[in-house]
Structure formats: structure tokens, C-alpha cells
Amino acid sequence: MATRIAGVEIPDSALAKEATQLIRDTADPLVYDHSRRVFLFGALRGAGQALSFDPELLYIGAMFHDLGLTEAYRASTQRFELDGADAARDFLRAHGLTEESARIVWTAIALHTTPEIPTRMEPEVALVTAGVEYDVLGIGYDALPDGVRAAVVAAHPRPDFKRRILEAFTRGIEHRPGTTFGNVKADVLAHFVPGFERTDFVEVIRGSAWPE
């Protein structure tokens, strides 16, 4: 029997179950619970906006979106968003889903820290970002009733979440500071990594090889 949380049915296909187990095995409870909340909040926002979306693709996007922050990717030198996006794409391909489905999920994860652009794309892309923004940043916090929000958090608690997610961001990207150029994660390293210096876009232009 499918699990329902705050009125949202958790996908229980073989694909979704395997994705759930993969994240349970790879990520700590912080990332697992956060990822499930991202799905739930994204689905709730989608229902509130009367969007037509594929719950399974939204679920895979939500579950894989922070995979790049885990210990398995401590040697990665690309943006952590790409780690999760690539892993989700390969997972979907291995299970015979279409290239279009794999592309949508890849895009949803790759762009989940890029404001505004996802809202102009497929609903699954928009809703992964909406779920992340709701759970991490509190954007649109009052758009959901208190009881609905409480039901999600009761199922997937967030003890000391603000501090712990910032720690997870720091651990996941501090070894690859260059990947924060031009994105919000530079703020994390500026706060928590002594000696971190942002790459300055203006100075990159001024110092380019062009002679003028």
C-alpha cells in the first residue's frame, strides 16, 4: 500500500523504491529527510498551482538532488549539482526510461540552485527547485497551511536543520571552491571556510587574454 504524507502519495514503483534505497545507503539521514521533504513540498506546490507533473520523475529529481554532497563525491571536481544530475540520468537510463525523462530529471537537479530559470521549464524542473527553496530558504513559507507543513515535518523531521544543512554544503564543496563561481554556494564558503576568496567576475574580464 502506498504511503501518503500530507495528502501526497509517495511513488512506490520498483524504480522509486530502488532510488529510495540508493539514497538511504549513500546519504545520511539529514540529506535523506531533506530530499523527501523536497519531493513533498514540490508536489504540494505543484498541486496548489494546478500543474500537471510526473510524480515519479519529480521524486527521482528530489531524491538525487543533493547526492553530490555525500561522501561518495568527496573527490569530485565538478559542481555538486552535476554529480547528482549525472547519477540520476545514469540511473534512469539503466532502468530503461526515455532520454526525454532522463533529460528532464538531469535538468531539474543541475538547475536547482539557479534561481528563476527553472520556473520557465518543465513542471518537474520547476518543482524540484520549488521544493528546495521552500525547505532550505523558506520561500513561500505561508503558501502551505500550518497543518500540512507540520505533517511533512512529522514524517521527515528537521532538527537543527539550518545549521546542519550549511555544514553539509560546506563539507560537500570545500574541496572544490572553484565550482562556486557564479552561484549561491560561494556564500557558504565565504562564511565557513577561512581564507576563501571569491572569483571576481569583473576581474576575470579585466584579466582575460584580450589585449584591449
C-alpha atoms as a PDB file:
ATOM      1  CA  MET A   1       0.000   0.000   0.000  1.00  0.00           C
ATOM      2  CA  ALA A   2       1.371   3.408  -0.984  1.00  0.00           C
ATOM      3  CA  THR A   3       2.436   5.819   1.742  1.00  0.00           C
ATOM      4  CA  ARG A   4       0.651   9.166   1.890  1.00  0.00           C
ATOM      5  CA  ILE A   5       2.096  12.159   3.712  1.00  0.00           C
ATOM      6  CA  ALA A   6       0.174  15.431   3.941  1.00  0.00           C
ATOM      7  CA  GLY A   7      -2.132  14.087   1.254  1.00  0.00           C
ATOM      8  CA  VAL A   8       0.734  13.368  -1.158  1.00  0.00           C
ATOM      9  CA  GLU A   9       1.255   9.804  -2.321  1.00  0.00           C
ATOM     10  CA  ILE A  10       4.891   8.725  -2.320  1.00  0.00           C
ATOM     11  CA  PRO A  11       5.690   6.890  -5.569  1.00  0.00           C
ATOM     12  CA  ASP A  12       6.057   3.179  -4.826  1.00  0.00           C
ATOM     13  CA  SER A  13       7.097   1.791  -8.201  1.00  0.00           C
ATOM     14  CA  ALA A  14      10.112  -0.510  -8.331  1.00  0.00           C
ATOM     15  CA  LEU A  15      12.103   2.421  -9.741  1.00  0.00           C
ATOM     16  CA  ALA A  16      11.127   4.746  -6.894  1.00  0.00           C
ATOM     17  CA  LYS A  17      11.798   2.096  -4.258  1.00  0.00           C
ATOM     18  CA  GLU A  18      15.256   1.429  -5.668  1.00  0.00           C
ATOM     19  CA  ALA A  19      16.001   5.163  -5.740  1.00  0.00           C
ATOM     20  CA  THR A  20      14.897   5.439  -2.119  1.00  0.00           C
ATOM     21  CA  GLN A  21      17.187   2.595  -1.066  1.00  0.00           C
ATOM     22  CA  LEU A  22      20.107   4.053  -3.020  1.00  0.00           C
ATOM     23  CA  ILE A  23      19.800   7.378  -1.226  1.00  0.00           C
ATOM     24  CA  ARG A  24      19.331   5.678   2.144  1.00  0.00           C
ATOM     25  CA  ASP A  25      22.531   3.711   1.524  1.00  0.00           C
ATOM     26  CA  THR A  26      24.536   6.686   0.240  1.00  0.00           C
ATOM     27  CA  ALA A  27      23.339   9.728   2.164  1.00  0.00           C
ATOM     28  CA  ASP A  28      22.980  10.447   5.864  1.00  0.00           C
ATOM     29  CA  PRO A  29      19.548  10.984   7.461  1.00  0.00           C
ATOM     30  CA  LEU A  30      19.882  14.756   7.069  1.00  0.00           C
ATOM     31  CA  VAL A  31      20.070  14.558   3.274  1.00  0.00           C
ATOM     32  CA  TYR A  32      17.554  11.706   3.050  1.00  0.00           C
ATOM     33  CA  ASP A  33      14.875  13.507   5.058  1.00  0.00           C
ATOM     34  CA  HIS A  34      15.574  16.788   3.282  1.00  0.00           C
ATOM     35  CA  SER A  35      15.235  15.085  -0.106  1.00  0.00           C
ATOM     36  CA  ARG A  36      11.918  13.528   0.822  1.00  0.00           C
ATOM     37  CA  ARG A  37      10.646  16.902   2.045  1.00  0.00           C
ATOM     38  CA  VAL A  38      11.749  18.476  -1.237  1.00  0.00           C
ATOM     39  CA  PHE A  39       9.552  15.998  -3.082  1.00  0.00           C
ATOM     40  CA  LEU A  40       6.611  16.555  -0.753  1.00  0.00           C
ATOM     41  CA  PHE A  41       6.833  20.335  -0.753  1.00  0.00           C
ATOM     42  CA  GLY A  42       7.391  20.364  -4.513  1.00  0.00           C
ATOM     43  CA  ALA A  43       4.366  18.133  -5.094  1.00  0.00           C
ATOM     44  CA  LEU A  44       2.237  20.252  -2.783  1.00  0.00           C
ATOM     45  CA  ARG A  45       3.260  23.433  -4.555  1.00  0.00           C
ATOM     46  CA  GLY A  46       2.553  21.773  -7.897  1.00  0.00           C
ATOM     47  CA  ALA A  47      -0.928  20.743  -6.776  1.00  0.00           C
ATOM     48  CA  GLY A  48      -1.563  24.241  -5.473  1.00  0.00           C
ATOM     49  CA  GLN A  49      -0.652  25.666  -8.860  1.00  0.00           C
ATOM     50  CA  ALA A  50      -2.698  23.034 -10.728  1.00  0.00           C
ATOM     51  CA  LEU A  51       0.417  21.845 -12.561  1.00  0.00           C
ATOM     52  CA  SER A  52       0.439  18.531 -14.378  1.00  0.00           C
ATOM     53  CA  PHE A  53       3.635  16.678 -13.480  1.00  0.00           C
ATOM     54  CA  ASP A  54       5.040  13.153 -13.330  1.00  0.00           C
ATOM     55  CA  PRO A  55       5.328  12.287  -9.614  1.00  0.00           C
ATOM     56  CA  GLU A  56       7.929   9.606 -10.272  1.00  0.00           C
ATOM     57  CA  LEU A  57      10.244  11.960 -12.156  1.00  0.00           C
ATOM     58  CA  LEU A  58       9.770  14.627  -9.504  1.00  0.00           C
ATOM     59  CA  TYR A  59      10.581  12.037  -6.855  1.00  0.00           C
ATOM     60  CA  ILE A  60      13.796  10.911  -8.573  1.00  0.00           C
ATOM     61  CA  GLY A  61      14.868  14.522  -9.048  1.00  0.00           C
ATOM     62  CA  ALA A  62      14.228  15.325  -5.399  1.00  0.00           C
ATOM     63  CA  MET A  63      15.933  12.217  -4.064  1.00  0.00           C
ATOM     64  CA  PHE A  64      19.094  12.644  -6.147  1.00  0.00           C
ATOM     65  CA  HIS A  65      19.379  16.442  -5.977  1.00  0.00           C
ATOM     66  CA  ASP A  66      21.926  16.559  -3.115  1.00  0.00           C
ATOM     67  CA  LEU A  67      23.696  13.278  -3.830  1.00  0.00           C
ATOM     68  CA  GLY A  68      26.817  15.241  -4.792  1.00  0.00           C
ATOM     69  CA  LEU A  69      27.189  16.413  -1.183  1.00  0.00           C
ATOM     70  CA  THR A  70      27.724  12.874   0.118  1.00  0.00           C
ATOM     71  CA  GLU A  71      30.985  11.124   0.993  1.00  0.00           C
ATOM     72  CA  ALA A  72      30.895   9.250  -2.313  1.00  0.00           C
ATOM     73  CA  TYR A  73      31.676  12.519  -4.119  1.00  0.00           C
ATOM     74  CA  ARG A  74      34.410  13.930  -1.909  1.00  0.00           C
ATOM     75  CA  ALA A  75      36.897  13.555  -4.775  1.00  0.00           C
ATOM     76  CA  SER A  76      34.647  15.127  -7.400  1.00  0.00           C
ATOM     77  CA  THR A  77      35.896  18.307  -9.052  1.00  0.00           C
ATOM     78  CA  GLN A  78      32.696  19.334 -10.814  1.00  0.00           C
ATOM     79  CA  ARG A  79      29.729  21.209  -9.351  1.00  0.00           C
ATOM     80  CA  PHE A  80      27.902  19.056  -6.832  1.00  0.00           C
ATOM     81  CA  GLU A  81      24.646  19.651  -8.698  1.00  0.00           C
ATOM     82  CA  LEU A  82      26.161  17.899 -11.721  1.00  0.00           C
ATOM     83  CA  ASP A  83      27.179  14.911  -9.605  1.00  0.00           C
ATOM     84  CA  GLY A  84      23.568  14.294  -8.635  1.00  0.00           C
ATOM     85  CA  ALA A  85      22.253  15.126 -12.106  1.00  0.00           C
ATOM     86  CA  ASP A  86      24.646  12.728 -13.821  1.00  0.00           C
ATOM     87  CA  ALA A  87      23.907   9.956 -11.315  1.00  0.00           C
ATOM     88  CA  ALA A  88      20.141  10.357 -11.748  1.00  0.00           C
ATOM     89  CA  ARG A  89      20.422  10.382 -15.542  1.00  0.00           C
ATOM     90  CA  ASP A  90      22.518   7.198 -15.496  1.00  0.00           C
ATOM     91  CA  PHE A  91      20.094   5.578 -13.039  1.00  0.00           C
ATOM     92  CA  LEU A  92      17.111   6.324 -15.276  1.00  0.00           C
ATOM     93  CA  ARG A  93      18.894   5.165 -18.422  1.00  0.00           C
ATOM     94  CA  ALA A  94      19.889   1.921 -16.709  1.00  0.00           C
ATOM     95  CA  HIS A  95      16.234   1.307 -15.910  1.00  0.00           C
ATOM     96  CA  GLY A  96      15.065   1.859 -19.469  1.00  0.00           C
ATOM     97  CA  LEU A  97      13.426   5.255 -19.156  1.00  0.00           C
ATOM     98  CA  THR A  98      13.358   7.514 -22.175  1.00  0.00           C
ATOM     99  CA  GLU A  99      16.065  10.029 -22.927  1.00  0.00           C
ATOM    100  CA  GLU A 100      13.465  12.761 -22.514  1.00  0.00           C
ATOM    101  CA  SER A 101      12.700  11.622 -18.966  1.00  0.00           C
ATOM    102  CA  ALA A 102      16.399  11.414 -18.161  1.00  0.00           C
ATOM    103  CA  ARG A 103      16.939  14.897 -19.592  1.00  0.00           C
ATOM    104  CA  ILE A 104      14.139  16.408 -17.521  1.00  0.00           C
ATOM    105  CA  VAL A 105      15.450  14.931 -14.283  1.00  0.00           C
ATOM    106  CA  TRP A 106      19.045  15.870 -15.136  1.00  0.00           C
ATOM    107  CA  THR A 107      17.950  19.463 -15.770  1.00  0.00           C
ATOM    108  CA  ALA A 108      15.891  19.607 -12.577  1.00  0.00           C
ATOM    109  CA  ILE A 109      18.893  18.657 -10.465  1.00  0.00           C
ATOM    110  CA  ALA A 110      21.502  20.630 -12.394  1.00  0.00           C
ATOM    111  CA  LEU A 111      19.498  23.854 -12.068  1.00  0.00           C
ATOM    112  CA  HIS A 112      18.118  23.508  -8.550  1.00  0.00           C
ATOM    113  CA  THR A 113      20.431  26.227  -7.191  1.00  0.00           C
ATOM    114  CA  THR A 114      19.846  28.564 -10.143  1.00  0.00           C
ATOM    115  CA  PRO A 115      17.007  30.987  -9.332  1.00  0.00           C
ATOM    116  CA  GLU A 116      14.201  31.839 -11.761  1.00  0.00           C
ATOM    117  CA  ILE A 117      15.258  29.763 -14.791  1.00  0.00           C
ATOM    118  CA  PRO A 118      13.604  26.515 -13.580  1.00  0.00           C
ATOM    119  CA  THR A 119      10.224  28.261 -13.326  1.00  0.00           C
ATOM    120  CA  ARG A 120      10.222  28.645 -17.130  1.00  0.00           C
ATOM    121  CA  MET A 121      10.870  24.946 -17.755  1.00  0.00           C
ATOM    122  CA  GLU A 122       9.026  21.633 -17.377  1.00  0.00           C
ATOM    123  CA  PRO A 123       6.923  21.293 -14.195  1.00  0.00           C
ATOM    124  CA  GLU A 124       9.248  18.639 -12.756  1.00  0.00           C
ATOM    125  CA  VAL A 125      12.195  21.009 -13.172  1.00  0.00           C
ATOM    126  CA  ALA A 126      10.312  23.893 -11.603  1.00  0.00           C
ATOM    127  CA  LEU A 127       9.020  21.831  -8.699  1.00  0.00           C
ATOM    128  CA  VAL A 128      12.353  20.355  -7.618  1.00  0.00           C
ATOM    129  CA  THR A 129      13.608  23.927  -7.262  1.00  0.00           C
ATOM    130  CA  ALA A 130      10.370  24.988  -5.558  1.00  0.00           C
ATOM    131  CA  GLY A 131      10.754  22.170  -3.035  1.00  0.00           C
ATOM    132  CA  VAL A 132      14.369  23.087  -2.342  1.00  0.00           C
ATOM    133  CA  GLU A 133      13.570  26.775  -1.979  1.00  0.00           C
ATOM    134  CA  TYR A 134      10.704  26.002   0.382  1.00  0.00           C
ATOM    135  CA  ASP A 135      12.657  23.631   2.629  1.00  0.00           C
ATOM    136  CA  VAL A 136      16.009  25.446   2.684  1.00  0.00           C
ATOM    137  CA  LEU A 137      15.142  29.109   2.156  1.00  0.00           C
ATOM    138  CA  GLY A 138      11.548  29.266   3.354  1.00  0.00           C
ATOM    139  CA  ILE A 139      10.429  30.887   0.097  1.00  0.00           C
ATOM    140  CA  GLY A 140       6.629  30.849   0.021  1.00  0.00           C
ATOM    141  CA  TYR A 141       6.502  29.521   3.588  1.00  0.00           C
ATOM    142  CA  ASP A 142       2.942  30.695   4.220  1.00  0.00           C
ATOM    143  CA  ALA A 143       1.649  29.239   0.955  1.00  0.00           C
ATOM    144  CA  LEU A 144       1.030  25.931   2.740  1.00  0.00           C
ATOM    145  CA  PRO A 145      -1.280  25.578   5.731  1.00  0.00           C
ATOM    146  CA  ASP A 146       0.390  25.023   9.085  1.00  0.00           C
ATOM    147  CA  GLY A 147      -1.133  21.558   9.414  1.00  0.00           C
ATOM    148  CA  VAL A 148       0.173  20.426   6.041  1.00  0.00           C
ATOM    149  CA  ARG A 149       3.653  21.706   6.796  1.00  0.00           C
ATOM    150  CA  ALA A 150       3.568  20.035  10.218  1.00  0.00           C
ATOM    151  CA  ALA A 151       2.562  16.690   8.683  1.00  0.00           C
ATOM    152  CA  VAL A 152       5.546  16.754   6.347  1.00  0.00           C
ATOM    153  CA  VAL A 153       7.951  17.620   9.145  1.00  0.00           C
ATOM    154  CA  ALA A 154       6.446  14.963  11.428  1.00  0.00           C
ATOM    155  CA  ALA A 155       7.202  12.334   8.790  1.00  0.00           C
ATOM    156  CA  HIS A 156      10.644  13.742   7.965  1.00  0.00           C
ATOM    157  CA  PRO A 157      11.919  15.831  10.879  1.00  0.00           C
ATOM    158  CA  ARG A 158      14.366  18.695  10.529  1.00  0.00           C
ATOM    159  CA  PRO A 159      16.167  19.011  13.902  1.00  0.00           C
ATOM    160  CA  ASP A 160      18.672  21.883  13.851  1.00  0.00           C
ATOM    161  CA  PHE A 161      18.305  21.796  10.079  1.00  0.00           C
ATOM    162  CA  LYS A 162      19.587  25.270   9.232  1.00  0.00           C
ATOM    163  CA  ARG A 163      22.962  24.690  10.905  1.00  0.00           C
ATOM    164  CA  ARG A 164      23.297  21.090   9.741  1.00  0.00           C
ATOM    165  CA  ILE A 165      22.472  21.728   6.087  1.00  0.00           C
ATOM    166  CA  LEU A 166      25.019  24.544   5.991  1.00  0.00           C
ATOM    167  CA  GLU A 167      27.587  22.109   7.397  1.00  0.00           C
ATOM    168  CA  ALA A 168      26.651  19.589   4.715  1.00  0.00           C
ATOM    169  CA  PHE A 169      27.026  22.214   1.991  1.00  0.00           C
ATOM    170  CA  THR A 170      30.429  23.198   3.346  1.00  0.00           C
ATOM    171  CA  ARG A 171      31.736  19.627   3.597  1.00  0.00           C
ATOM    172  CA  GLY A 172      30.429  18.811   0.159  1.00  0.00           C
ATOM    173  CA  ILE A 173      32.061  21.701  -1.703  1.00  0.00           C
ATOM    174  CA  GLU A 174      35.015  22.996   0.310  1.00  0.00           C
ATOM    175  CA  HIS A 175      37.427  20.782  -1.644  1.00  0.00           C
ATOM    176  CA  ARG A 176      36.241  22.291  -4.957  1.00  0.00           C
ATOM    177  CA  PRO A 177      35.876  26.019  -4.260  1.00  0.00           C
ATOM    178  CA  GLY A 178      36.231  26.974  -7.903  1.00  0.00           C
ATOM    179  CA  THR A 179      32.875  25.372  -8.655  1.00  0.00           C
ATOM    180  CA  THR A 180      31.094  28.040  -6.612  1.00  0.00           C
ATOM    181  CA  PHE A 181      31.964  30.799  -9.096  1.00  0.00           C
ATOM    182  CA  GLY A 182      28.738  32.472 -10.154  1.00  0.00           C
ATOM    183  CA  ASN A 183      26.416  30.525  -7.870  1.00  0.00           C
ATOM    184  CA  VAL A 184      24.957  30.760  -4.384  1.00  0.00           C
ATOM    185  CA  LYS A 185      27.319  28.255  -2.796  1.00  0.00           C
ATOM    186  CA  ALA A 186      30.108  30.861  -2.787  1.00  0.00           C
ATOM    187  CA  ASP A 187      28.219  32.428   0.122  1.00  0.00           C
ATOM    188  CA  VAL A 188      28.570  29.185   2.103  1.00  0.00           C
ATOM    189  CA  LEU A 189      32.337  29.039   1.699  1.00  0.00           C
ATOM    190  CA  ALA A 190      32.679  32.760   2.439  1.00  0.00           C
ATOM    191  CA  HIS A 191      31.005  32.154   5.810  1.00  0.00           C
ATOM    192  CA  PHE A 192      32.570  28.859   6.833  1.00  0.00           C
ATOM    193  CA  VAL A 193      35.942  28.324   5.109  1.00  0.00           C
ATOM    194  CA  PRO A 194      38.746  30.579   6.400  1.00  0.00           C
ATOM    195  CA  GLY A 195      40.755  32.169   3.629  1.00  0.00           C
ATOM    196  CA  PHE A 196      38.201  31.521   0.899  1.00  0.00           C
ATOM    197  CA  GLU A 197      38.309  34.179  -1.812  1.00  0.00           C
ATOM    198  CA  ARG A 198      35.552  34.500  -4.357  1.00  0.00           C
ATOM    199  CA  THR A 199      36.398  34.520  -8.030  1.00  0.00           C
ATOM    200  CA  ASP A 200      35.558  38.043  -9.145  1.00  0.00           C
ATOM    201  CA  PHE A 201      33.700  38.146 -12.463  1.00  0.00           C
ATOM    202  CA  VAL A 202      34.797  41.694 -13.183  1.00  0.00           C
ATOM    203  CA  GLU A 203      38.450  40.826 -12.584  1.00  0.00           C
ATOM    204  CA  VAL A 204      38.152  37.742 -14.791  1.00  0.00           C
ATOM    205  CA  ILE A 205      37.045  40.028 -17.631  1.00  0.00           C
ATOM    206  CA  ARG A 206      39.738  42.599 -16.921  1.00  0.00           C
ATOM    207  CA  GLY A 207      42.413  39.927 -16.714  1.00  0.00           C
ATOM    208  CA  SER A 208      41.412  37.960 -19.814  1.00  0.00           C
ATOM    209  CA  ALA A 209      43.869  37.399 -22.654  1.00  0.00           C
ATOM    210  CA  TRP A 210      42.218  40.019 -24.839  1.00  0.00           C
ATOM    211  CA  PRO A 211      44.762  42.832 -25.369  1.00  0.00           C
ATOM    212  CA  GLU A 212      42.498  45.892 -25.103  1.00  0.00           C
END
